[in-house]
Amino acid sequence: MGRLPANAGARATVSDPQHPERVYAAGDTGVYRSDDGGQTWQATAQGIEKPSIQALALDPRQPQRLYAAAPDGALYLSEDGASSWRLLAGTGAVAAR
């Protein structure tokens, strides 16, 4: 695989079962996507309020749908292959108040 940014701190990776060359990584500075098997990476955290992501999951039947979990309990959903994200209602530090 190619290199992620030095400060990415990747904690989780998933690959698209329908397009094996598409790989996602998440960590200290958000979510990244590679469309060439990890040779190059693009930041894809639009809509994620705090960049630190500790877990990433992909729906194998709908690989454009991904979930990203933040340390504060926030759960984000992307339905467009990580191009944009939205916070799921009732998750995160705001929901705990």
PDB file of N, CA and C in Angstrom:
ATOM      1  N   MET A   1       0.826  -1.192   0.000  1.00  0.00           N
ATOM      2  CA  MET A   1       0.000   0.000   0.000  1.00  0.00           C
ATOM      3  C   MET A   1       0.862   1.244   0.000  1.00  0.00           C
ATOM      4  N   GLY A   2       0.332   2.308  -0.549  1.00  0.00           N
ATOM      5  CA  GLY A   2       0.997   3.592  -0.487  1.00  0.00           C
ATOM      6  C   GLY A   2       0.873   4.188   0.896  1.00  0.00           C
ATOM      7  N   ARG A   3       1.441   5.335   1.073  1.00  0.00           N
ATOM      8  CA  ARG A   3       1.455   5.947   2.392  1.00  0.00           C
ATOM      9  C   ARG A   3       0.271   6.877   2.621  1.00  0.00           C
ATOM     10  N   LEU A   4      -0.271   6.747   3.815  1.00  0.00           N
ATOM     11  CA  LEU A   4      -1.238   7.728   4.290  1.00  0.00           C
ATOM     12  C   LEU A   4      -0.448   8.914   4.820  1.00  0.00           C
ATOM     13  N   PRO A   5      -1.084  10.059   5.057  1.00  0.00           N
ATOM     14  CA  PRO A   5      -0.360  11.163   5.672  1.00  0.00           C
ATOM     15  C   PRO A   5       0.281  10.712   6.992  1.00  0.00           C
ATOM     16  N   ALA A   6       1.435  11.263   7.304  1.00  0.00           N
ATOM     17  CA  ALA A   6       2.203  10.843   8.480  1.00  0.00           C
ATOM     18  C   ALA A   6       1.400  10.925   9.767  1.00  0.00           C
ATOM     19  N   ASN A   7       0.494  11.879   9.875  1.00  0.00           N
ATOM     20  CA  ASN A   7      -0.274  12.061  11.109  1.00  0.00           C
ATOM     21  C   ASN A   7      -1.628  11.348  11.083  1.00  0.00           C
ATOM     22  N   ALA A   8      -1.877  10.480  10.100  1.00  0.00           N
ATOM     23  CA  ALA A   8      -3.188   9.829   9.961  1.00  0.00           C
ATOM     24  C   ALA A   8      -3.511   8.920  11.136  1.00  0.00           C
ATOM     25  N   GLY A   9      -2.524   8.237  11.687  1.00  0.00           N
ATOM     26  CA  GLY A   9      -2.759   7.354  12.826  1.00  0.00           C
ATOM     27  C   GLY A   9      -3.829   6.315  12.549  1.00  0.00           C
ATOM     28  N   ALA A  10      -3.768   5.668  11.408  1.00  0.00           N
ATOM     29  CA  ALA A  10      -4.820   4.732  10.994  1.00  0.00           C
ATOM     30  C   ALA A  10      -5.049   3.639  12.028  1.00  0.00           C
ATOM     31  N   ARG A  11      -6.310   3.479  12.402  1.00  0.00           N
ATOM     32  CA  ARG A  11      -6.728   2.449  13.357  1.00  0.00           C
ATOM     33  C   ARG A  11      -7.589   1.370  12.711  1.00  0.00           C
ATOM     34  N   ALA A  12      -8.217   1.692  11.601  1.00  0.00           N
ATOM     35  CA  ALA A  12      -9.143   0.752  10.973  1.00  0.00           C
ATOM     36  C   ALA A  12      -9.046   0.861   9.462  1.00  0.00           C
ATOM     37  N   THR A  13      -9.171  -0.273   8.795  1.00  0.00           N
ATOM     38  CA  THR A  13      -9.231  -0.291   7.333  1.00  0.00           C
ATOM     39  C   THR A  13     -10.327  -1.265   6.905  1.00  0.00           C
ATOM     40  N   VAL A  14     -10.968  -0.954   5.807  1.00  0.00           N
ATOM     41  CA  VAL A  14     -11.938  -1.860   5.184  1.00  0.00           C
ATOM     42  C   VAL A  14     -11.768  -1.745   3.678  1.00  0.00           C
ATOM     43  N   SER A  15     -12.107  -2.817   2.978  1.00  0.00           N
ATOM     44  CA  SER A  15     -12.058  -2.764   1.521  1.00  0.00           C
ATOM     45  C   SER A  15     -13.427  -3.122   0.954  1.00  0.00           C
ATOM     46  N   ASP A  16     -13.698  -2.611  -0.201  1.00  0.00           N
ATOM     47  CA  ASP A  16     -14.968  -2.797  -0.890  1.00  0.00           C
ATOM     48  C   ASP A  16     -14.967  -4.183  -1.534  1.00  0.00           C
ATOM     49  N   PRO A  17     -15.879  -5.074  -1.145  1.00  0.00           N
ATOM     50  CA  PRO A  17     -15.876  -6.423  -1.716  1.00  0.00           C
ATOM     51  C   PRO A  17     -16.216  -6.454  -3.209  1.00  0.00           C
ATOM     52  N   GLN A  18     -16.899  -5.431  -3.705  1.00  0.00           N
ATOM     53  CA  GLN A  18     -17.247  -5.384  -5.127  1.00  0.00           C
ATOM     54  C   GLN A  18     -16.164  -4.726  -5.969  1.00  0.00           C
ATOM     55  N   HIS A  19     -15.319  -3.916  -5.314  1.00  0.00           N
ATOM     56  CA  HIS A  19     -14.223  -3.212  -5.987  1.00  0.00           C
ATOM     57  C   HIS A  19     -12.994  -3.313  -5.089  1.00  0.00           C
ATOM     58  N   PRO A  20     -12.257  -4.416  -5.140  1.00  0.00           N
ATOM     59  CA  PRO A  20     -11.150  -4.646  -4.209  1.00  0.00           C
ATOM     60  C   PRO A  20     -10.067  -3.570  -4.223  1.00  0.00           C
ATOM     61  N   GLU A  21      -9.981  -2.802  -5.283  1.00  0.00           N
ATOM     62  CA  GLU A  21      -8.984  -1.733  -5.336  1.00  0.00           C
ATOM     63  C   GLU A  21      -9.386  -0.524  -4.485  1.00  0.00           C
ATOM     64  N   ARG A  22     -10.660  -0.478  -4.037  1.00  0.00           N
ATOM     65  CA  ARG A  22     -11.132   0.627  -3.198  1.00  0.00           C
ATOM     66  C   ARG A  22     -10.945   0.232  -1.729  1.00  0.00           C
ATOM     67  N   VAL A  23     -10.157   1.049  -1.029  1.00  0.00           N
ATOM     68  CA  VAL A  23      -9.830   0.792   0.369  1.00  0.00           C
ATOM     69  C   VAL A  23     -10.106   2.056   1.170  1.00  0.00           C
ATOM     70  N   TYR A  24     -10.612   1.877   2.382  1.00  0.00           N
ATOM     71  CA  TYR A  24     -10.868   2.991   3.291  1.00  0.00           C
ATOM     72  C   TYR A  24     -10.000   2.817   4.534  1.00  0.00           C
ATOM     73  N   ALA A  25      -9.511   3.912   5.078  1.00  0.00           N
ATOM     74  CA  ALA A  25      -8.744   3.894   6.324  1.00  0.00           C
ATOM     75  C   ALA A  25      -9.252   5.023   7.203  1.00  0.00           C
ATOM     76  N   ALA A  26      -9.243   4.791   8.509  1.00  0.00           N
ATOM     77  CA  ALA A  26      -9.703   5.812   9.459  1.00  0.00           C
ATOM     78  C   ALA A  26      -8.748   5.861  10.635  1.00  0.00           C
ATOM     79  N   GLY A  27      -8.623   7.051  11.220  1.00  0.00           N
ATOM     80  CA  GLY A  27      -7.726   7.208  12.359  1.00  0.00           C
ATOM     81  C   GLY A  27      -7.811   8.589  12.963  1.00  0.00           C
ATOM     82  N   ASP A  28      -6.669   9.079  13.447  1.00  0.00           N
ATOM     83  CA  ASP A  28      -6.595  10.326  14.190  1.00  0.00           C
ATOM     84  C   ASP A  28      -7.051  11.555  13.413  1.00  0.00           C
ATOM     85  N   THR A  29      -6.869  11.542  12.110  1.00  0.00           N
ATOM     86  CA  THR A  29      -7.186  12.732  11.316  1.00  0.00           C
ATOM     87  C   THR A  29      -8.360  12.521  10.368  1.00  0.00           C
ATOM     88  N   GLY A  30      -9.172  11.493  10.604  1.00  0.00           N
ATOM     89  CA  GLY A  30     -10.369  11.309   9.803  1.00  0.00           C
ATOM     90  C   GLY A  30     -10.366  10.054   8.971  1.00  0.00           C
ATOM     91  N   VAL A  31     -11.080  10.116   7.855  1.00  0.00           N
ATOM     92  CA  VAL A  31     -11.264   8.976   6.966  1.00  0.00           C
ATOM     93  C   VAL A  31     -10.601   9.295   5.627  1.00  0.00           C
ATOM     94  N   TYR A  32      -9.984   8.268   5.054  1.00  0.00           N
ATOM     95  CA  TYR A  32      -9.307   8.389   3.766  1.00  0.00           C
ATOM     96  C   TYR A  32      -9.792   7.280   2.850  1.00  0.00           C
ATOM     97  N   ARG A  33      -9.799   7.559   1.546  1.00  0.00           N
ATOM     98  CA  ARG A  33     -10.200   6.563   0.555  1.00  0.00           C
ATOM     99  C   ARG A  33      -9.126   6.449  -0.509  1.00  0.00           C
ATOM    100  N   SER A  34      -8.867   5.210  -0.907  1.00  0.00           N
ATOM    101  CA  SER A  34      -7.969   4.937  -2.028  1.00  0.00           C
ATOM    102  C   SER A  34      -8.753   4.176  -3.073  1.00  0.00           C
ATOM    103  N   ASP A  35      -8.655   4.589  -4.311  1.00  0.00           N
ATOM    104  CA  ASP A  35      -9.318   3.892  -5.409  1.00  0.00           C
ATOM    105  C   ASP A  35      -8.336   3.096  -6.256  1.00  0.00           C
ATOM    106  N   ASP A  36      -7.072   3.037  -5.787  1.00  0.00           N
ATOM    107  CA  ASP A  36      -6.050   2.313  -6.542  1.00  0.00           C
ATOM    108  C   ASP A  36      -5.250   1.355  -5.648  1.00  0.00           C
ATOM    109  N   GLY A  37      -5.951   0.718  -4.728  1.00  0.00           N
ATOM    110  CA  GLY A  37      -5.318  -0.290  -3.893  1.00  0.00           C
ATOM    111  C   GLY A  37      -4.324   0.251  -2.889  1.00  0.00           C
ATOM    112  N   GLY A  38      -4.454   1.521  -2.540  1.00  0.00           N
ATOM    113  CA  GLY A  38      -3.586   2.113  -1.532  1.00  0.00           C
ATOM    114  C   GLY A  38      -2.380   2.854  -2.077  1.00  0.00           C
ATOM    115  N   GLN A  39      -2.295   3.004  -3.376  1.00  0.00           N
ATOM    116  CA  GLN A  39      -1.175   3.753  -3.955  1.00  0.00           C
ATOM    117  C   GLN A  39      -1.290   5.243  -3.638  1.00  0.00           C
ATOM    118  N   THR A  40      -2.511   5.758  -3.684  1.00  0.00           N
ATOM    119  CA  THR A  40      -2.765   7.160  -3.348  1.00  0.00           C
ATOM    120  C   THR A  40      -3.998   7.206  -2.450  1.00  0.00           C
ATOM    121  N   TRP A  41      -4.082   8.252  -1.634  1.00  0.00           N
ATOM    122  CA  TRP A  41      -5.179   8.403  -0.669  1.00  0.00           C
ATOM    123  C   TRP A  41      -5.765   9.801  -0.757  1.00  0.00           C
ATOM    124  N   GLN A  42      -7.076   9.891  -0.517  1.00  0.00           N
ATOM    125  CA  GLN A  42      -7.785  11.168  -0.508  1.00  0.00           C
ATOM    126  C   GLN A  42      -8.547  11.280   0.811  1.00  0.00           C
ATOM    127  N   ALA A  43      -8.440  12.433   1.473  1.00  0.00           N
ATOM    128  CA  ALA A  43      -9.210  12.679   2.693  1.00  0.00           C
ATOM    129  C   ALA A  43     -10.686  12.760   2.338  1.00  0.00           C
ATOM    130  N   THR A  44     -11.534  12.114   3.142  1.00  0.00           N
ATOM    131  CA  THR A  44     -12.963  12.063   2.843  1.00  0.00           C
ATOM    132  C   THR A  44     -13.780  12.260   4.115  1.00  0.00           C
ATOM    133  N   ALA A  45     -13.493  13.292   4.870  1.00  0.00           N
ATOM    134  CA  ALA A  45     -14.156  13.485   6.157  1.00  0.00           C
ATOM    135  C   ALA A  45     -15.157  14.639   6.155  1.00  0.00           C
ATOM    136  N   GLN A  46     -15.659  15.045   4.997  1.00  0.00           N
ATOM    137  CA  GLN A  46     -16.637  16.133   4.950  1.00  0.00           C
ATOM    138  C   GLN A  46     -17.879  15.742   5.738  1.00  0.00           C
ATOM    139  N   GLY A  47     -18.207  16.523   6.759  1.00  0.00           N
ATOM    140  CA  GLY A  47     -19.370  16.253   7.582  1.00  0.00           C
ATOM    141  C   GLY A  47     -19.042  15.634   8.927  1.00  0.00           C
ATOM    142  N   ILE A  48     -17.804  15.185   9.107  1.00  0.00           N
ATOM    143  CA  ILE A  48     -17.385  14.640  10.399  1.00  0.00           C
ATOM    144  C   ILE A  48     -16.860  15.798  11.235  1.00  0.00           C
ATOM    145  N   GLU A  49     -17.523  16.042  12.369  1.00  0.00           N
ATOM    146  CA  GLU A  49     -17.207  17.219  13.183  1.00  0.00           C
ATOM    147  C   GLU A  49     -15.826  17.149  13.835  1.00  0.00           C
ATOM    148  N   LYS A  50     -15.494  16.027  14.435  1.00  0.00           N
ATOM    149  CA  LYS A  50     -14.185  15.836  15.052  1.00  0.00           C
ATOM    150  C   LYS A  50     -13.472  14.766  14.249  1.00  0.00           C
ATOM    151  N   PRO A  51     -12.235  15.020  13.846  1.00  0.00           N
ATOM    152  CA  PRO A  51     -11.598  14.117  12.892  1.00  0.00           C
ATOM    153  C   PRO A  51     -11.227  12.732  13.417  1.00  0.00           C
ATOM    154  N   SER A  52     -11.086  12.539  14.701  1.00  0.00           N
ATOM    155  CA  SER A  52     -10.628  11.253  15.215  1.00  0.00           C
ATOM    156  C   SER A  52     -11.712  10.175  15.055  1.00  0.00           C
ATOM    157  N   ILE A  53     -11.365   9.118  14.333  1.00  0.00           N
ATOM    158  CA  ILE A  53     -12.273   7.995  14.101  1.00  0.00           C
ATOM    159  C   ILE A  53     -11.572   6.728  14.564  1.00  0.00           C
ATOM    160  N   GLN A  54     -12.279   5.917  15.356  1.00  0.00           N
ATOM    161  CA  GLN A  54     -11.636   4.718  15.878  1.00  0.00           C
ATOM    162  C   GLN A  54     -12.120   3.422  15.243  1.00  0.00           C
ATOM    163  N   ALA A  55     -13.255   3.432  14.576  1.00  0.00           N
ATOM    164  CA  ALA A  55     -13.749   2.221  13.923  1.00  0.00           C
ATOM    165  C   ALA A  55     -14.469   2.587  12.631  1.00  0.00           C
ATOM    166  N   LEU A  56     -14.428   1.653  11.702  1.00  0.00           N
ATOM    167  CA  LEU A  56     -15.005   1.863  10.384  1.00  0.00           C
ATOM    168  C   LEU A  56     -15.660   0.554   9.964  1.00  0.00           C
ATOM    169  N   ALA A  57     -16.869   0.633   9.406  1.00  0.00           N
ATOM    170  CA  ALA A  57     -17.559  -0.566   8.932  1.00  0.00           C
ATOM    171  C   ALA A  57     -18.209  -0.260   7.586  1.00  0.00           C
ATOM    172  N   LEU A  58     -18.257  -1.280   6.737  1.00  0.00           N
ATOM    173  CA  LEU A  58     -18.809  -1.156   5.402  1.00  0.00           C
ATOM    174  C   LEU A  58     -19.917  -2.192   5.252  1.00  0.00           C
ATOM    175  N   ASP A  59     -21.026  -1.802   4.647  1.00  0.00           N
ATOM    176  CA  ASP A  59     -22.122  -2.729   4.375  1.00  0.00           C
ATOM    177  C   ASP A  59     -21.739  -3.546   3.143  1.00  0.00           C
ATOM    178  N   PRO A  60     -21.505  -4.858   3.287  1.00  0.00           N
ATOM    179  CA  PRO A  60     -21.035  -5.644   2.146  1.00  0.00           C
ATOM    180  C   PRO A  60     -22.046  -5.743   1.004  1.00  0.00           C
ATOM    181  N   ARG A  61     -23.326  -5.553   1.293  1.00  0.00           N
ATOM    182  CA  ARG A  61     -24.342  -5.594   0.232  1.00  0.00           C
ATOM    183  C   ARG A  61     -24.490  -4.249  -0.468  1.00  0.00           C
ATOM    184  N   GLN A  62     -24.139  -3.183   0.252  1.00  0.00           N
ATOM    185  CA  GLN A  62     -24.189  -1.826  -0.291  1.00  0.00           C
ATOM    186  C   GLN A  62     -22.874  -1.139   0.066  1.00  0.00           C
ATOM    187  N   PRO A  63     -21.787  -1.455  -0.626  1.00  0.00           N
ATOM    188  CA  PRO A  63     -20.475  -0.955  -0.220  1.00  0.00           C
ATOM    189  C   PRO A  63     -20.303   0.559  -0.284  1.00  0.00           C
ATOM    190  N   GLN A  64     -21.247   1.269  -0.841  1.00  0.00           N
ATOM    191  CA  GLN A  64     -21.197   2.734  -0.803  1.00  0.00           C
ATOM    192  C   GLN A  64     -21.617   3.242   0.575  1.00  0.00           C
ATOM    193  N   ARG A  65     -22.198   2.366   1.403  1.00  0.00           N
ATOM    194  CA  ARG A  65     -22.667   2.726   2.742  1.00  0.00           C
ATOM    195  C   ARG A  65     -21.601   2.328   3.761  1.00  0.00           C
ATOM    196  N   LEU A  66     -21.092   3.339   4.470  1.00  0.00           N
ATOM    197  CA  LEU A  66     -20.083   3.119   5.500  1.00  0.00           C
ATOM    198  C   LEU A  66     -20.507   3.782   6.793  1.00  0.00           C
ATOM    199  N   TYR A  67     -20.009   3.245   7.889  1.00  0.00           N
ATOM    200  CA  TYR A  67     -20.220   3.801   9.218  1.00  0.00           C
ATOM    201  C   TYR A  67     -18.868   4.100   9.828  1.00  0.00           C
ATOM    202  N   ALA A  68     -18.762   5.229  10.508  1.00  0.00           N
ATOM    203  CA  ALA A  68     -17.531   5.614  11.200  1.00  0.00           C
ATOM    204  C   ALA A  68     -17.881   5.972  12.639  1.00  0.00           C
ATOM    205  N   ALA A  69     -17.136   5.417  13.585  1.00  0.00           N
ATOM    206  CA  ALA A  69     -17.389   5.658  15.001  1.00  0.00           C
ATOM    207  C   ALA A  69     -16.268   6.495  15.600  1.00  0.00           C
ATOM    208  N   ALA A  70     -16.653   7.543  16.319  1.00  0.00           N
ATOM    209  CA  ALA A  70     -15.713   8.431  16.982  1.00  0.00           C
ATOM    210  C   ALA A  70     -15.574   8.032  18.458  1.00  0.00           C
ATOM    211  N   PRO A  71     -14.478   8.421  19.103  1.00  0.00           N
ATOM    212  CA  PRO A  71     -14.271   8.063  20.507  1.00  0.00           C
ATOM    213  C   PRO A  71     -15.356   8.571  21.453  1.00  0.00           C
ATOM    214  N   ASP A  72     -16.040   9.661  21.109  1.00  0.00           N
ATOM    215  CA  ASP A  72     -17.076  10.199  21.995  1.00  0.00           C
ATOM    216  C   ASP A  72     -18.429   9.512  21.813  1.00  0.00           C
ATOM    217  N   GLY A  73     -18.474   8.462  20.995  1.00  0.00           N
ATOM    218  CA  GLY A  73     -19.710   7.734  20.768  1.00  0.00           C
ATOM    219  C   GLY A  73     -20.490   8.193  19.550  1.00  0.00           C
ATOM    220  N   ALA A  74     -20.005   9.228  18.879  1.00  0.00           N
ATOM    221  CA  ALA A  74     -20.682   9.694  17.666  1.00  0.00           C
ATOM    222  C   ALA A  74     -20.561   8.636  16.580  1.00  0.00           C
ATOM    223  N   LEU A  75     -21.656   8.406  15.873  1.00  0.00           N
ATOM    224  CA  LEU A  75     -21.675   7.464  14.766  1.00  0.00           C
ATOM    225  C   LEU A  75     -22.084   8.222  13.512  1.00  0.00           C
ATOM    226  N   TYR A  76     -21.234   8.135  12.498  1.00  0.00           N
ATOM    227  CA  TYR A  76     -21.470   8.830  11.236  1.00  0.00           C
ATOM    228  C   TYR A  76     -21.807   7.827  10.149  1.00  0.00           C
ATOM    229  N   LEU A  77     -22.629   8.258   9.197  1.00  0.00           N
ATOM    230  CA  LEU A  77     -23.029   7.431   8.066  1.00  0.00           C
ATOM    231  C   LEU A  77     -22.660   8.134   6.771  1.00  0.00           C
ATOM    232  N   SER A  78     -22.096   7.367   5.842  1.00  0.00           N
ATOM    233  CA  SER A  78     -21.878   7.839   4.480  1.00  0.00           C
ATOM    234  C   SER A  78     -22.621   6.894   3.557  1.00  0.00           C
ATOM    235  N   GLU A  79     -23.364   7.451   2.640  1.00  0.00           N
ATOM    236  CA  GLU A  79     -24.086   6.627   1.668  1.00  0.00           C
ATOM    237  C   GLU A  79     -23.566   6.851   0.251  1.00  0.00           C
ATOM    238  N   ASP A  80     -22.397   7.504   0.165  1.00  0.00           N
ATOM    239  CA  ASP A  80     -21.823   7.802  -1.148  1.00  0.00           C
ATOM    240  C   ASP A  80     -20.332   7.470  -1.208  1.00  0.00           C
ATOM    241  N   GLY A  81     -19.949   6.369  -0.582  1.00  0.00           N
ATOM    242  CA  GLY A  81     -18.554   5.936  -0.657  1.00  0.00           C
ATOM    243  C   GLY A  81     -17.591   6.840   0.067  1.00  0.00           C
ATOM    244  N   ALA A  82     -18.032   7.443   1.156  1.00  0.00           N
ATOM    245  CA  ALA A  82     -17.218   8.307   2.026  1.00  0.00           C
ATOM    246  C   ALA A  82     -16.987   9.703   1.464  1.00  0.00           C
ATOM    247  N   SER A  83     -17.702  10.090   0.432  1.00  0.00           N
ATOM    248  CA  SER A  83     -17.556  11.462  -0.077  1.00  0.00           C
ATOM    249  C   SER A  83     -18.122  12.473   0.913  1.00  0.00           C
ATOM    250  N   SER A  84     -19.204  12.107   1.594  1.00  0.00           N
ATOM    251  CA  SER A  84     -19.781  12.975   2.620  1.00  0.00           C
ATOM    252  C   SER A  84     -20.320  12.103   3.748  1.00  0.00           C
ATOM    253  N   TRP A  85     -20.432  12.697   4.916  1.00  0.00           N
ATOM    254  CA  TRP A  85     -20.855  11.992   6.129  1.00  0.00           C
ATOM    255  C   TRP A  85     -21.915  12.812   6.844  1.00  0.00           C
ATOM    256  N   ARG A  86     -22.769  12.106   7.607  1.00  0.00           N
ATOM    257  CA  ARG A  86     -23.709  12.809   8.481  1.00  0.00           C
ATOM    258  C   ARG A  86     -23.752  12.084   9.815  1.00  0.00           C
ATOM    259  N   LEU A  87     -23.921  12.868  10.865  1.00  0.00           N
ATOM    260  CA  LEU A  87     -24.017  12.339  12.213  1.00  0.00           C
ATOM    261  C   LEU A  87     -25.377  11.681  12.379  1.00  0.00           C
ATOM    262  N   LEU A  88     -25.384  10.458  12.893  1.00  0.00           N
ATOM    263  CA  LEU A  88     -26.667   9.791  13.155  1.00  0.00           C
ATOM    264  C   LEU A  88     -27.251  10.336  14.436  1.00  0.00           C
ATOM    265  N   ALA A  89     -28.528  10.660  14.404  1.00  0.00           N
ATOM    266  CA  ALA A  89     -29.222  11.244  15.553  1.00  0.00           C
ATOM    267  C   ALA A  89     -29.094  10.337  16.776  1.00  0.00           C
ATOM    268  N   GLY A  90     -28.928  10.990  17.932  1.00  0.00           N
ATOM    269  CA  GLY A  90     -28.867  10.263  19.186  1.00  0.00           C
ATOM    270  C   GLY A  90     -27.520   9.649  19.505  1.00  0.00           C
ATOM    271  N   THR A  91     -26.483   9.989  18.732  1.00  0.00           N
ATOM    272  CA  THR A  91     -25.153   9.459  19.004  1.00  0.00           C
ATOM    273  C   THR A  91     -24.209  10.590  19.372  1.00  0.00           C
ATOM    274  N   GLY A  92     -23.140  10.267  20.056  1.00  0.00           N
ATOM    275  CA  GLY A  92     -22.114  11.251  20.377  1.00  0.00           C
ATOM    276  C   GLY A  92     -22.321  11.950  21.686  1.00  0.00           C
ATOM    277  N   ALA A  93     -21.368  12.807  22.022  1.00  0.00           N
ATOM    278  CA  ALA A  93     -21.365  13.531  23.290  1.00  0.00           C
ATOM    279  C   ALA A  93     -22.591  14.430  23.426  1.00  0.00           C
ATOM    280  N   VAL A  94     -23.076  15.001  22.335  1.00  0.00           N
ATOM    281  CA  VAL A  94     -24.245  15.888  22.391  1.00  0.00           C
ATOM    282  C   VAL A  94     -25.456  15.102  22.868  1.00  0.00           C
ATOM    283  N   ALA A  95     -25.598  13.844  22.433  1.00  0.00           N
ATOM    284  CA  ALA A  95     -26.741  13.021  22.827  1.00  0.00           C
ATOM    285  C   ALA A  95     -26.700  12.669  24.296  1.00  0.00           C
ATOM    286  N   ALA A  96     -25.514  12.663  24.903  1.00  0.00           N
ATOM    287  CA  ALA A  96     -25.365  12.261  26.300  1.00  0.00           C
ATOM    288  C   ALA A  96     -25.777  13.378  27.265  1.00  0.00           C
ATOM    289  N   ARG A  97     -25.948  14.577  26.780  1.00  0.00           N
ATOM    290  CA  ARG A  97     -26.290  15.711  27.658  1.00  0.00           C
ATOM    291  C   ARG A  97     -27.713  15.655  28.125  1.00  0.00           C
TER     292      ARG A  97
END
